[in-house]
Protein backbone atom coordinates (compact mmCIF):
# COMPACT_ATOMS: atom_id res chain seq x y z
CA UNK A 1 -67.21 23.15 87.46
CA UNK A 2 -66.04 22.49 83.85
CA UNK A 3 -63.13 24.91 84.14
CA UNK A 4 -62.22 23.79 87.62
CA UNK A 5 -62.04 20.17 86.33
CA UNK A 6 -59.99 21.17 83.11
CA UNK A 7 -57.48 23.39 85.49
CA UNK A 8 -57.21 20.43 88.00
CA UNK A 9 -56.40 18.10 84.43
CA UNK A 10 -53.98 20.90 83.48
CA UNK A 11 -51.97 20.65 86.97
CA UNK A 12 -51.93 16.64 86.48
CA UNK A 13 -50.58 17.00 82.90
CA UNK A 14 -47.95 19.59 84.00
CA UNK A 15 -46.89 16.87 86.41
CA UNK A 16 -46.56 14.42 83.76
CA UNK A 17 -44.92 16.82 81.51
CA UNK A 18 -42.30 17.50 84.38
CA UNK A 19 -42.02 13.51 84.63
CA UNK A 20 -41.39 13.20 80.97
CA UNK A 21 -38.89 16.02 80.74
CA UNK A 22 -36.96 14.32 83.56
CA UNK A 23 -36.94 10.83 81.64
CA UNK A 24 -38.87 9.32 84.53
CA UNK A 25 -41.85 7.56 83.21
CA UNK A 26 -43.63 4.54 85.14
CA UNK A 27 -46.63 3.74 87.25
CA UNK A 28 -46.98 7.05 88.34
CA UNK A 29 -47.00 8.44 84.79
CA UNK A 30 -49.84 6.30 83.94
CA UNK A 31 -51.60 7.42 86.99
CA UNK A 32 -51.31 10.87 86.21
CA UNK A 33 -52.30 10.21 82.46
CA UNK A 34 -55.23 8.27 83.50
CA UNK A 35 -56.17 11.30 86.35
CA UNK A 36 -55.82 14.22 83.84
CA UNK A 37 -57.73 12.30 80.88
CA UNK A 38 -60.68 11.53 83.39
CA UNK A 39 -60.57 15.21 84.68
CA UNK A 40 -60.57 16.74 81.24
CA UNK A 41 -63.12 14.85 79.78
CA UNK A 42 -65.28 14.83 83.01
CA UNK A 43 -65.01 18.95 82.67
CA UNK A 44 -65.64 18.78 78.97
CA UNK A 45 -68.90 17.06 79.54
CA UNK A 46 -70.02 20.29 81.08
CA UNK A 47 -69.38 22.16 78.26
CA UNK A 48 -71.87 22.84 75.27
CA UNK A 49 -70.85 21.22 71.98
CA UNK A 50 -69.84 24.39 70.17
CA UNK A 51 -67.35 25.46 72.96
CA UNK A 52 -65.31 22.23 73.07
CA UNK A 53 -63.36 22.77 69.96
CA UNK A 54 -60.74 25.17 71.35
CA UNK A 55 -59.83 23.19 74.62
CA UNK A 56 -59.81 19.90 72.33
CA UNK A 57 -57.25 21.40 69.93
CA UNK A 58 -55.17 22.62 72.58
CA UNK A 59 -55.14 19.42 74.43
CA UNK A 60 -54.24 17.38 71.37
CA UNK A 61 -51.41 19.86 70.70
CA UNK A 62 -50.19 19.75 74.38
CA UNK A 63 -50.41 15.89 74.42
CA UNK A 64 -48.54 15.49 70.98
CA UNK A 65 -45.69 17.77 72.60
CA UNK A 66 -45.24 15.98 75.81
CA UNK A 67 -45.56 12.65 73.87
CA UNK A 68 -42.61 13.57 71.74
CA UNK A 69 -40.61 14.87 74.58
CA UNK A 70 -41.27 11.84 76.67
CA UNK A 71 -39.96 9.52 73.60
CA UNK A 72 -36.92 11.53 73.06
CA UNK A 73 -35.87 12.10 76.64
CA UNK A 74 -36.55 8.67 77.57
CA UNK A 75 -33.29 7.08 79.24
CA UNK A 76 -31.63 4.23 77.64
CA UNK A 77 -28.22 2.21 78.00
CA UNK A 78 -25.16 3.10 75.98
CA UNK A 79 -22.65 0.75 76.04
CA UNK A 80 -19.44 2.44 77.76
CA UNK A 81 -21.46 5.70 78.50
CA UNK A 82 -24.44 4.70 80.99
CA UNK A 83 -27.77 5.79 80.40
CA UNK A 84 -28.58 8.60 77.89
CA UNK A 85 -31.81 10.31 76.53
CA UNK A 86 -32.60 8.69 73.19
CA UNK A 87 -31.98 12.06 71.34
CA UNK A 88 -28.57 11.78 72.86
CA UNK A 89 -27.91 8.27 71.97
CA UNK A 90 -29.07 9.09 68.43
CA UNK A 91 -26.81 11.87 68.30
CA UNK A 92 -23.78 9.62 69.33
CA UNK A 93 -24.26 6.72 66.53
CA UNK A 94 -25.95 8.71 63.85
CA UNK A 95 -22.61 9.46 62.39
CA UNK A 96 -21.50 5.74 62.39
CA UNK A 97 -24.62 4.72 60.23
CA UNK A 98 -24.44 4.38 56.45
CA UNK A 99 -26.99 6.67 55.17
CA UNK A 100 -28.14 4.71 51.91
CA UNK A 101 -28.53 1.52 54.08
CA UNK A 102 -30.36 3.10 56.63
CA UNK A 103 -32.55 5.00 54.27
CA UNK A 104 -33.27 1.91 52.26
CA UNK A 105 -34.35 -0.04 55.23
CA UNK A 106 -36.18 2.85 56.79
CA UNK A 107 -38.34 3.17 53.92
CA UNK A 108 -39.06 -0.49 53.67
CA UNK A 109 -39.87 -0.72 57.12
CA UNK A 110 -42.10 2.39 56.92
CA UNK A 111 -43.89 1.10 54.18
CA UNK A 112 -44.72 -2.34 55.95
CA UNK A 113 -45.50 -0.77 59.03
CA UNK A 114 -48.28 1.52 57.27
CA UNK A 115 -49.49 -1.16 55.45
CA UNK A 116 -50.20 -2.90 58.70
CA UNK A 117 -51.61 0.07 60.14
CA UNK A 118 -54.15 0.37 57.25
CA UNK A 119 -54.76 -3.51 57.03
CA UNK A 120 -55.43 -3.20 60.90
CA UNK A 121 -57.83 -0.29 60.71
CA UNK A 122 -59.92 -1.75 57.88
CA UNK A 123 -60.43 -4.98 59.73
CA UNK A 124 -61.85 -2.99 62.49
CA UNK A 125 -63.85 -1.06 60.08
CA UNK A 126 -65.26 -4.35 58.56
CA UNK A 127 -66.03 -5.43 62.47
CA UNK A 128 -67.86 -2.30 63.07
CA UNK A 129 -69.89 -2.74 59.82
CA UNK A 130 -70.61 -6.15 60.99
CA UNK A 131 -72.35 -4.62 63.97
CA UNK A 132 -74.28 -1.98 61.85
CA UNK A 133 -71.84 0.86 62.98
CA UNK A 134 -70.68 2.74 59.67
CA UNK A 135 -68.52 6.24 59.58
CA UNK A 136 -65.88 7.45 57.39
CA UNK A 137 -62.78 5.06 57.06
CA UNK A 138 -60.10 7.69 56.09
CA UNK A 139 -61.22 10.67 58.22
CA UNK A 140 -62.44 8.74 61.10
CA UNK A 141 -61.34 5.24 61.80
CA UNK A 142 -57.83 5.83 60.38
CA UNK A 143 -57.50 8.85 62.17
CA UNK A 144 -58.55 7.40 65.58
CA UNK A 145 -56.19 4.33 64.87
CA UNK A 146 -53.30 6.60 64.54
CA UNK A 147 -54.28 8.44 67.75
CA UNK A 148 -54.82 5.06 69.36
CA UNK A 149 -51.39 3.95 68.48
CA UNK A 150 -49.62 7.22 69.66
CA UNK A 151 -51.28 6.58 73.08
CA UNK A 152 -50.64 3.14 73.29
CA UNK A 153 -46.65 4.15 73.06
CA UNK A 154 -46.88 5.33 76.72
CA UNK A 155 -49.18 2.41 77.79
CA UNK A 156 -48.76 -1.60 78.21
CA UNK A 157 -49.83 -3.88 75.66
CA UNK A 158 -52.62 -2.43 73.17
CA UNK A 159 -54.61 -0.64 76.13
CA UNK A 160 -53.94 2.72 74.24
CA UNK A 161 -55.39 1.46 70.92
CA UNK A 162 -58.00 -0.50 72.07
CA UNK A 163 -59.16 2.19 74.33
CA UNK A 164 -59.23 5.30 72.01
CA UNK A 165 -60.67 3.21 68.94
CA UNK A 166 -63.53 1.73 71.28
CA UNK A 167 -63.96 5.12 72.50
CA UNK A 168 -64.26 7.00 69.25
CA UNK A 169 -66.40 4.18 67.62
CA UNK A 170 -68.87 4.43 70.81
CA UNK A 171 -68.89 7.98 70.88
CA UNK A 172 -69.85 8.68 67.15
CA UNK A 173 -72.36 5.87 66.89
CA UNK A 174 -73.70 6.17 70.53
CA UNK A 175 -74.16 2.33 70.24
CA UNK A 176 -71.73 1.23 72.94
CA UNK A 177 -72.76 -2.13 73.26
CA UNK A 178 -72.25 -2.75 69.81
CA UNK A 179 -68.68 -1.23 69.64
CA UNK A 180 -67.77 -3.50 72.43
CA UNK A 181 -68.87 -6.44 70.69
CA UNK A 182 -66.69 -5.46 67.62
CA UNK A 183 -63.92 -5.18 69.86
CA UNK A 184 -64.31 -8.02 71.78
CA UNK A 185 -64.36 -9.94 67.91
CA UNK A 186 -61.46 -8.16 67.26
CA UNK A 187 -59.22 -9.61 70.27
CA UNK A 188 -60.92 -12.85 70.00
CA UNK A 189 -59.76 -13.19 65.94
CA UNK A 190 -56.06 -11.65 66.81
CA UNK A 191 -55.43 -14.32 69.70
CA UNK A 192 -56.87 -17.04 67.15
CA UNK A 193 -54.74 -16.11 64.14
CA UNK A 194 -51.58 -15.56 66.41
CA UNK A 195 -52.24 -19.34 67.64
CA UNK A 196 -52.86 -20.26 63.95
CA UNK A 197 -49.50 -18.63 62.97
CA UNK A 198 -47.48 -20.62 65.80
CA UNK A 199 -49.32 -23.79 64.32
CA UNK A 200 -48.48 -23.03 60.75
CA UNK A 201 -44.78 -22.12 61.19
CA UNK A 202 -43.91 -24.74 64.04
CA UNK A 203 -42.29 -27.11 61.63
CA UNK A 204 -40.10 -23.92 60.33
CA UNK A 205 -39.16 -23.29 63.68
CA UNK A 206 -38.49 -26.44 65.22
CA UNK A 207 -34.68 -25.89 65.11
CA UNK A 208 -35.03 -22.90 67.21
CA UNK A 209 -37.02 -25.00 69.79
CA UNK A 210 -34.01 -27.43 69.65
CA UNK A 211 -31.39 -24.68 70.24
CA UNK A 212 -33.48 -23.33 73.39
CA UNK A 213 -33.64 -26.69 75.06
CA UNK A 214 -29.83 -27.60 74.20
CA UNK A 215 -28.88 -24.44 75.97
CA UNK A 216 -31.13 -25.05 78.81
CA UNK A 217 -29.29 -28.70 79.16
CA UNK A 218 -32.32 -30.65 78.19
CA UNK A 219 -32.00 -31.69 74.35
CA UNK A 220 -34.29 -34.38 74.70
CA UNK A 221 -37.39 -32.11 75.60
CA UNK A 222 -37.50 -30.61 72.13
CA UNK A 223 -40.42 -33.12 70.55
CA UNK A 224 -42.29 -32.44 74.05
CA UNK A 225 -42.17 -28.71 74.10
CA UNK A 226 -43.12 -28.62 70.10
CA UNK A 227 -45.95 -30.97 71.02
CA UNK A 228 -47.40 -28.83 73.75
CA UNK A 229 -47.15 -25.76 71.61
CA UNK A 230 -49.02 -27.18 68.98
CA UNK A 231 -51.81 -28.76 71.30
CA UNK A 232 -51.96 -24.98 72.69
CA UNK A 233 -52.13 -23.59 69.28
CA UNK A 234 -54.37 -26.08 68.05
């Protein structure tokens, strides 16, 4: 039964890989990804723990390859040339980019992004500790966070990141209720922080509101719109 389910998962994933190669990702691709994941983990559950390492390794490698392929083969609009795959668009413009400027901003952007990932992962770690769940930060939590972010590249919003980090925390601790509580708190804190940021930065962004309502032909609506934002954020 285990290998039958895994073969079915491989078939669904092969269809997903074909769509990724053709640059045709969408709802069907999400369905195929969900189907292949469900079949794989269902089949995996029938295997004894000592026999799971090899198929897990193969699955991770295949997922990484197909994921990178999906990113590079995804079509984007290029002015004057229609839709081109990402790799072709990069090749088209790479010689027009100043290398020193690109490297400087790329390094700064990666540093800021990496710092954000580490702080987000550490916040998740603290929430888990608050629920009595402790496991290695760098080996487990950071790894789960990076894998979850990679999966989330192909899914709406933060479904991939939230789903995978919750799965790893629940699987490691076998305390699903506490892991779910930590995840719920994480989302609540995130939304609250977003609204607080809106409230604090509202005075600095008031001119943006004025520009928006003026372009819509309603210059007198700026104070009302700012008040509504303040009420919602408060």
